[in-house]
Amino acid sequence: FAGWKLLEVGNSENLKPTKTWNGISAGCRVY
């Protein structure tokens, strides 16, 4: 699989994000 990953840090009191990072992700899953 491959996809788009997002990570965000913020303040939950005002729901305002301080910093957001985006990027790609790829890996393997076994069932």
ModelCIF file with pLDDT and N, C-alpha, C, O atoms, coordinates in Angstrom:
data_MODEL
#
_entry.id   MODEL 
#
_entity.id                         1 
_entity.type                       polymer 
_entity.pdbx_number_of_molecules   1 
#
_entity_poly.entity_id                      1 
_entity_poly.type                           'polypeptide(L)' 
_entity_poly.nstd_linkage                   no 
_entity_poly.nstd_monomer                   no 
_entity_poly.pdbx_seq_one_letter_code       FAGWKLLEVGNSENLKPTKTWNGISAGCRVY 
_entity_poly.pdbx_seq_one_letter_code_can   FAGWKLLEVGNSENLKPTKTWNGISAGCRVY 
_entity_poly.pdbx_strand_id                 A 
#
loop_
_entity_poly_seq.entity_id 
_entity_poly_seq.num 
_entity_poly_seq.mon_id 
_entity_poly_seq.hetero 
1 1  PHE n 
1 2  ALA n 
1 3  GLY n 
1 4  TRP n 
1 5  LYS n 
1 6  LEU n 
1 7  LEU n 
1 8  GLU n 
1 9  VAL n 
1 10 GLY n 
1 11 ASN n 
1 12 SER n 
1 13 GLU n 
1 14 ASN n 
1 15 LEU n 
1 16 LYS n 
1 17 PRO n 
1 18 THR n 
1 19 LYS n 
1 20 THR n 
1 21 TRP n 
1 22 ASN n 
1 23 GLY n 
1 24 ILE n 
1 25 SER n 
1 26 ALA n 
1 27 GLY n 
1 28 CYS n 
1 29 ARG n 
1 30 VAL n 
1 31 TYR n 
#
_struct_asym.id          A 
_struct_asym.entity_id   1 
#
loop_
_ma_qa_metric.id 
_ma_qa_metric.mode 
_ma_qa_metric.name 
_ma_qa_metric.software_group_id 
_ma_qa_metric.type 
1 global pLDDT . pLDDT 
2 local  pLDDT . pLDDT 
#
_ma_qa_metric_global.metric_id      1 
_ma_qa_metric_global.metric_value   95.68 
_ma_qa_metric_global.model_id       1 
_ma_qa_metric_global.ordinal_id     1 
#
loop_
_ma_qa_metric_local.label_asym_id 
_ma_qa_metric_local.label_comp_id 
_ma_qa_metric_local.label_seq_id 
_ma_qa_metric_local.metric_id 
_ma_qa_metric_local.metric_value 
_ma_qa_metric_local.model_id 
_ma_qa_metric_local.ordinal_id 
A PHE 1  2 98.00 1 1  
A ALA 2  2 98.00 1 2  
A GLY 3  2 98.00 1 3  
A TRP 4  2 98.00 1 4  
A LYS 5  2 98.00 1 5  
A LEU 6  2 97.00 1 6  
A LEU 7  2 97.00 1 7  
A GLU 8  2 97.00 1 8  
A VAL 9  2 96.00 1 9  
A GLY 10 2 95.00 1 10 
A ASN 11 2 94.00 1 11 
A SER 12 2 91.00 1 12 
A GLU 13 2 90.00 1 13 
A ASN 14 2 90.00 1 14 
A LEU 15 2 88.00 1 15 
A LYS 16 2 88.00 1 16 
A PRO 17 2 92.00 1 17 
A THR 18 2 94.00 1 18 
A LYS 19 2 95.00 1 19 
A THR 20 2 97.00 1 20 
A TRP 21 2 97.00 1 21 
A ASN 22 2 97.00 1 22 
A GLY 23 2 98.00 1 23 
A ILE 24 2 98.00 1 24 
A SER 25 2 98.00 1 25 
A ALA 26 2 98.00 1 26 
A GLY 27 2 98.00 1 27 
A CYS 28 2 98.00 1 28 
A ARG 29 2 98.00 1 29 
A VAL 30 2 98.00 1 30 
A TYR 31 2 97.00 1 31 
#
loop_
_atom_site.group_PDB 
_atom_site.id 
_atom_site.type_symbol 
_atom_site.label_atom_id 
_atom_site.label_alt_id 
_atom_site.label_comp_id 
_atom_site.label_asym_id 
_atom_site.label_entity_id 
_atom_site.label_seq_id 
_atom_site.pdbx_PDB_ins_code 
_atom_site.Cartn_x 
_atom_site.Cartn_y 
_atom_site.Cartn_z 
_atom_site.occupancy 
_atom_site.B_iso_or_equiv 
_atom_site.pdbx_formal_charge 
_atom_site.auth_seq_id 
_atom_site.auth_comp_id 
_atom_site.auth_asym_id 
_atom_site.auth_atom_id 
_atom_site.pdbx_PDB_model_num 
ATOM 1   N N  . PHE A 1 1  ? 0.821   -1.207  0.000  1.00 98.00 ? 1  PHE A N  1 
ATOM 2   C CA . PHE A 1 1  ? 0.000   0.000   0.000  1.00 98.00 ? 1  PHE A CA 1 
ATOM 3   C C  . PHE A 1 1  ? 0.856   1.258   0.000  1.00 98.00 ? 1  PHE A C  1 
ATOM 4   O O  . PHE A 1 1  ? 2.013   1.243   0.421  1.00 98.00 ? 1  PHE A O  1 
ATOM 5   N N  . ALA A 1 2  ? 0.267   2.340   -0.478 1.00 98.00 ? 2  ALA A N  1 
ATOM 6   C CA . ALA A 1 2  ? 0.902   3.662   -0.468 1.00 98.00 ? 2  ALA A CA 1 
ATOM 7   C C  . ALA A 1 2  ? -0.188  4.697   -0.272 1.00 98.00 ? 2  ALA A C  1 
ATOM 8   O O  . ALA A 1 2  ? -1.328  4.496   -0.690 1.00 98.00 ? 2  ALA A O  1 
ATOM 9   N N  . GLY A 1 3  ? 0.163   5.804   0.365  1.00 98.00 ? 3  GLY A N  1 
ATOM 10  C CA . GLY A 1 3  ? -0.876  6.793   0.635  1.00 98.00 ? 3  GLY A CA 1 
ATOM 11  C C  . GLY A 1 3  ? -0.325  8.122   1.099  1.00 98.00 ? 3  GLY A C  1 
ATOM 12  O O  . GLY A 1 3  ? 0.870   8.402   1.001  1.00 98.00 ? 3  GLY A O  1 
ATOM 13  N N  . TRP A 1 4  ? -1.248  8.939   1.612  1.00 98.00 ? 4  TRP A N  1 
ATOM 14  C CA . TRP A 1 4  ? -0.953  10.298  2.066  1.00 98.00 ? 4  TRP A CA 1 
ATOM 15  C C  . TRP A 1 4  ? -1.132  10.380  3.575  1.00 98.00 ? 4  TRP A C  1 
ATOM 16  O O  . TRP A 1 4  ? -2.182  10.011  4.101  1.00 98.00 ? 4  TRP A O  1 
ATOM 17  N N  . LYS A 1 5  ? -0.100  10.866  4.274  1.00 98.00 ? 5  LYS A N  1 
ATOM 18  C CA . LYS A 1 5  ? -0.134  10.933  5.737  1.00 98.00 ? 5  LYS A CA 1 
ATOM 19  C C  . LYS A 1 5  ? -0.135  12.379  6.199  1.00 98.00 ? 5  LYS A C  1 
ATOM 20  O O  . LYS A 1 5  ? 0.531   13.233  5.614  1.00 98.00 ? 5  LYS A O  1 
ATOM 21  N N  . LEU A 1 6  ? -0.891  12.641  7.253  1.00 97.00 ? 6  LEU A N  1 
ATOM 22  C CA . LEU A 1 6  ? -0.977  13.972  7.851  1.00 97.00 ? 6  LEU A CA 1 
ATOM 23  C C  . LEU A 1 6  ? -0.724  13.876  9.344  1.00 97.00 ? 6  LEU A C  1 
ATOM 24  O O  . LEU A 1 6  ? -1.222  12.969  10.010 1.00 97.00 ? 6  LEU A O  1 
ATOM 25  N N  . LEU A 1 7  ? 0.053   14.816  9.866  1.00 97.00 ? 7  LEU A N  1 
ATOM 26  C CA . LEU A 1 7  ? 0.296   14.933  11.303 1.00 97.00 ? 7  LEU A CA 1 
ATOM 27  C C  . LEU A 1 7  ? 0.139   16.398  11.685 1.00 97.00 ? 7  LEU A C  1 
ATOM 28  O O  . LEU A 1 7  ? 0.729   17.278  11.057 1.00 97.00 ? 7  LEU A O  1 
ATOM 29  N N  . GLU A 1 8  ? -0.665  16.655  12.725 1.00 97.00 ? 8  GLU A N  1 
ATOM 30  C CA . GLU A 1 8  ? -0.967  18.039  13.110 1.00 97.00 ? 8  GLU A CA 1 
ATOM 31  C C  . GLU A 1 8  ? -0.890  18.197  14.620 1.00 97.00 ? 8  GLU A C  1 
ATOM 32  O O  . GLU A 1 8  ? -1.308  17.313  15.368 1.00 97.00 ? 8  GLU A O  1 
ATOM 33  N N  . VAL A 1 9  ? -0.353  19.330  15.066 1.00 96.00 ? 9  VAL A N  1 
ATOM 34  C CA . VAL A 1 9  ? -0.281  19.686  16.488 1.00 96.00 ? 9  VAL A CA 1 
ATOM 35  C C  . VAL A 1 9  ? -1.025  20.997  16.674 1.00 96.00 ? 9  VAL A C  1 
ATOM 36  O O  . VAL A 1 9  ? -0.881  21.922  15.874 1.00 96.00 ? 9  VAL A O  1 
ATOM 37  N N  . GLY A 1 10 ? -1.825  21.074  17.739 1.00 95.00 ? 10 GLY A N  1 
ATOM 38  C CA . GLY A 1 10 ? -2.576  22.305  17.963 1.00 95.00 ? 10 GLY A CA 1 
ATOM 39  C C  . GLY A 1 10 ? -3.103  22.413  19.373 1.00 95.00 ? 10 GLY A C  1 
ATOM 40  O O  . GLY A 1 10 ? -2.777  21.607  20.244 1.00 95.00 ? 10 GLY A O  1 
ATOM 41  N N  . ASN A 1 11 ? -3.928  23.429  19.583 1.00 94.00 ? 11 ASN A N  1 
ATOM 42  C CA . ASN A 1 11 ? -4.531  23.690  20.884 1.00 94.00 ? 11 ASN A CA 1 
ATOM 43  C C  . ASN A 1 11 ? -6.008  23.310  20.829 1.00 94.00 ? 11 ASN A C  1 
ATOM 44  O O  . ASN A 1 11 ? -6.757  23.836  20.005 1.00 94.00 ? 11 ASN A O  1 
ATOM 45  N N  . SER A 1 12 ? -6.424  22.406  21.699 1.00 91.00 ? 12 SER A N  1 
ATOM 46  C CA . SER A 1 12 ? -7.795  21.892  21.659 1.00 91.00 ? 12 SER A CA 1 
ATOM 47  C C  . SER A 1 12 ? -8.806  22.868  22.257 1.00 91.00 ? 12 SER A C  1 
ATOM 48  O O  . SER A 1 12 ? -10.012 22.710  22.070 1.00 91.00 ? 12 SER A O  1 
ATOM 49  N N  . GLU A 1 13 ? -8.316  23.871  22.971 1.00 90.00 ? 13 GLU A N  1 
ATOM 50  C CA . GLU A 1 13 ? -9.226  24.834  23.575 1.00 90.00 ? 13 GLU A CA 1 
ATOM 51  C C  . GLU A 1 13 ? -9.894  25.704  22.501 1.00 90.00 ? 13 GLU A C  1 
ATOM 52  O O  . GLU A 1 13 ? -11.082 26.016  22.587 1.00 90.00 ? 13 GLU A O  1 
ATOM 53  N N  . ASN A 1 14 ? -9.117  26.082  21.503 1.00 90.00 ? 14 ASN A N  1 
ATOM 54  C CA . ASN A 1 14 ? -9.678  26.896  20.416 1.00 90.00 ? 14 ASN A CA 1 
ATOM 55  C C  . ASN A 1 14 ? -9.662  26.159  19.076 1.00 90.00 ? 14 ASN A C  1 
ATOM 56  O O  . ASN A 1 14 ? -10.004 26.725  18.038 1.00 90.00 ? 14 ASN A O  1 
ATOM 57  N N  . LEU A 1 15 ? -9.248  24.853  19.117 1.00 88.00 ? 15 LEU A N  1 
ATOM 58  C CA . LEU A 1 15 ? -9.182  24.019  17.910 1.00 88.00 ? 15 LEU A CA 1 
ATOM 59  C C  . LEU A 1 15 ? -8.354  24.665  16.807 1.00 88.00 ? 15 LEU A C  1 
ATOM 60  O O  . LEU A 1 15 ? -8.660  24.536  15.621 1.00 88.00 ? 15 LEU A O  1 
ATOM 61  N N  . LYS A 1 16 ? -7.299  25.364  17.221 1.00 88.00 ? 16 LYS A N  1 
ATOM 62  C CA . LYS A 1 16 ? -6.440  26.048  16.265 1.00 88.00 ? 16 LYS A CA 1 
ATOM 63  C C  . LYS A 1 16 ? -5.150  25.266  16.075 1.00 88.00 ? 16 LYS A C  1 
ATOM 64  O O  . LYS A 1 16 ? -4.401  25.075  17.032 1.00 88.00 ? 16 LYS A O  1 
ATOM 65  N N  . PRO A 1 17 ? -4.874  24.802  14.837 1.00 92.00 ? 17 PRO A N  1 
ATOM 66  C CA . PRO A 1 17 ? -3.625  24.073  14.596 1.00 92.00 ? 17 PRO A CA 1 
ATOM 67  C C  . PRO A 1 17 ? -2.404  24.989  14.677 1.00 92.00 ? 17 PRO A C  1 
ATOM 68  O O  . PRO A 1 17 ? -2.418  26.111  14.170 1.00 92.00 ? 17 PRO A O  1 
ATOM 69  N N  . THR A 1 18 ? -1.359  24.493  15.317 1.00 94.00 ? 18 THR A N  1 
ATOM 70  C CA . THR A 1 18 ? -0.108  25.238  15.399 1.00 94.00 ? 18 THR A CA 1 
ATOM 71  C C  . THR A 1 18 ? 0.815   24.898  14.238 1.00 94.00 ? 18 THR A C  1 
ATOM 72  O O  . THR A 1 18 ? 1.471   25.773  13.673 1.00 94.00 ? 18 THR A O  1 
ATOM 73  N N  . LYS A 1 19 ? 0.857   23.619  13.892 1.00 95.00 ? 19 LYS A N  1 
ATOM 74  C CA . LYS A 1 19 ? 1.718   23.170  12.799 1.00 95.00 ? 19 LYS A CA 1 
ATOM 75  C C  . LYS A 1 19 ? 1.110   21.922  12.178 1.00 95.00 ? 19 LYS A C  1 
ATOM 76  O O  . LYS A 1 19 ? 0.616   21.046  12.887 1.00 95.00 ? 19 LYS A O  1 
ATOM 77  N N  . THR A 1 20 ? 1.147   21.842  10.842 1.00 97.00 ? 20 THR A N  1 
ATOM 78  C CA . THR A 1 20 ? 0.630   20.682  10.114 1.00 97.00 ? 20 THR A CA 1 
ATOM 79  C C  . THR A 1 20 ? 1.683   20.211  9.126  1.00 97.00 ? 20 THR A C  1 
ATOM 80  O O  . THR A 1 20 ? 2.263   21.009  8.390  1.00 97.00 ? 20 THR A O  1 
ATOM 81  N N  . TRP A 1 21 ? 1.921   18.907  9.118  1.00 97.00 ? 21 TRP A N  1 
ATOM 82  C CA . TRP A 1 21 ? 2.859   18.307  8.172  1.00 97.00 ? 21 TRP A CA 1 
ATOM 83  C C  . TRP A 1 21 ? 2.129   17.291  7.307  1.00 97.00 ? 21 TRP A C  1 
ATOM 84  O O  . TRP A 1 21 ? 1.271   16.555  7.797  1.00 97.00 ? 21 TRP A O  1 
ATOM 85  N N  . ASN A 1 22 ? 2.465   17.249  6.027  1.00 97.00 ? 22 ASN A N  1 
ATOM 86  C CA . ASN A 1 22 ? 1.890   16.288  5.088  1.00 97.00 ? 22 ASN A CA 1 
ATOM 87  C C  . ASN A 1 22 ? 3.010   15.581  4.348  1.00 97.00 ? 22 ASN A C  1 
ATOM 88  O O  . ASN A 1 22 ? 4.102   16.121  4.172  1.00 97.00 ? 22 ASN A O  1 
ATOM 89  N N  . GLY A 1 23 ? 2.712   14.348  3.915  1.00 98.00 ? 23 GLY A N  1 
ATOM 90  C CA . GLY A 1 23 ? 3.721   13.622  3.154  1.00 98.00 ? 23 GLY A CA 1 
ATOM 91  C C  . GLY A 1 23 ? 3.223   12.269  2.687  1.00 98.00 ? 23 GLY A C  1 
ATOM 92  O O  . GLY A 1 23 ? 2.052   11.924  2.844  1.00 98.00 ? 23 GLY A O  1 
ATOM 93  N N  . ILE A 1 24 ? 4.137   11.517  2.113  1.00 98.00 ? 24 ILE A N  1 
ATOM 94  C CA . ILE A 1 24 ? 3.790   10.216  1.544  1.00 98.00 ? 24 ILE A CA 1 
ATOM 95  C C  . ILE A 1 24 ? 4.159   9.087   2.504  1.00 98.00 ? 24 ILE A C  1 
ATOM 96  O O  . ILE A 1 24 ? 5.046   9.225   3.347  1.00 98.00 ? 24 ILE A O  1 
ATOM 97  N N  . SER A 1 25 ? 3.449   7.963   2.350  1.00 98.00 ? 25 SER A N  1 
ATOM 98  C CA . SER A 1 25 ? 3.691   6.780   3.174  1.00 98.00 ? 25 SER A CA 1 
ATOM 99  C C  . SER A 1 25 ? 3.544   5.540   2.304  1.00 98.00 ? 25 SER A C  1 
ATOM 100 O O  . SER A 1 25 ? 2.691   5.507   1.417  1.00 98.00 ? 25 SER A O  1 
ATOM 101 N N  . ALA A 1 26 ? 4.364   4.520   2.544  1.00 98.00 ? 26 ALA A N  1 
ATOM 102 C CA . ALA A 1 26 ? 4.287   3.269   1.783  1.00 98.00 ? 26 ALA A CA 1 
ATOM 103 C C  . ALA A 1 26 ? 4.741   2.123   2.664  1.00 98.00 ? 26 ALA A C  1 
ATOM 104 O O  . ALA A 1 26 ? 5.650   2.274   3.480  1.00 98.00 ? 26 ALA A O  1 
ATOM 105 N N  . GLY A 1 27 ? 4.093   0.961   2.490  1.00 98.00 ? 27 GLY A N  1 
ATOM 106 C CA . GLY A 1 27 ? 4.462   -0.175  3.316  1.00 98.00 ? 27 GLY A CA 1 
ATOM 107 C C  . GLY A 1 27 ? 3.803   -1.460  2.882  1.00 98.00 ? 27 GLY A C  1 
ATOM 108 O O  . GLY A 1 27 ? 3.280   -1.569  1.774  1.00 98.00 ? 27 GLY A O  1 
ATOM 109 N N  . CYS A 1 28 ? 3.838   -2.443  3.784  1.00 98.00 ? 28 CYS A N  1 
ATOM 110 C CA . CYS A 1 28 ? 3.296   -3.772  3.499  1.00 98.00 ? 28 CYS A CA 1 
ATOM 111 C C  . CYS A 1 28 ? 2.488   -4.240  4.702  1.00 98.00 ? 28 CYS A C  1 
ATOM 112 O O  . CYS A 1 28 ? 2.868   -4.009  5.850  1.00 98.00 ? 28 CYS A O  1 
ATOM 113 N N  . ARG A 1 29 ? 1.366   -4.904  4.421  1.00 98.00 ? 29 ARG A N  1 
ATOM 114 C CA . ARG A 1 29 ? 0.511   -5.460  5.465  1.00 98.00 ? 29 ARG A CA 1 
ATOM 115 C C  . ARG A 1 29 ? 0.300   -6.950  5.210  1.00 98.00 ? 29 ARG A C  1 
ATOM 116 O O  . ARG A 1 29 ? 0.108   -7.364  4.067  1.00 98.00 ? 29 ARG A O  1 
ATOM 117 N N  . VAL A 1 30 ? 0.336   -7.751  6.266  1.00 98.00 ? 30 VAL A N  1 
ATOM 118 C CA . VAL A 1 30 ? 0.101   -9.186  6.135  1.00 98.00 ? 30 VAL A CA 1 
ATOM 119 C C  . VAL A 1 30 ? -1.110  -9.557  6.972  1.00 98.00 ? 30 VAL A C  1 
ATOM 120 O O  . VAL A 1 30 ? -1.260  -9.070  8.092  1.00 98.00 ? 30 VAL A O  1 
ATOM 121 N N  . TYR A 1 31 ? -1.980  -10.416 6.441  1.00 97.00 ? 31 TYR A N  1 
ATOM 122 C CA . TYR A 1 31 ? -3.186  -10.863 7.115  1.00 97.00 ? 31 TYR A CA 1 
ATOM 123 C C  . TYR A 1 31 ? -3.018  -12.313 7.573  1.00 97.00 ? 31 TYR A C  1 
ATOM 124 O O  . TYR A 1 31 ? -3.933  -12.882 8.169  1.00 97.00 ? 31 TYR A O  1 
#
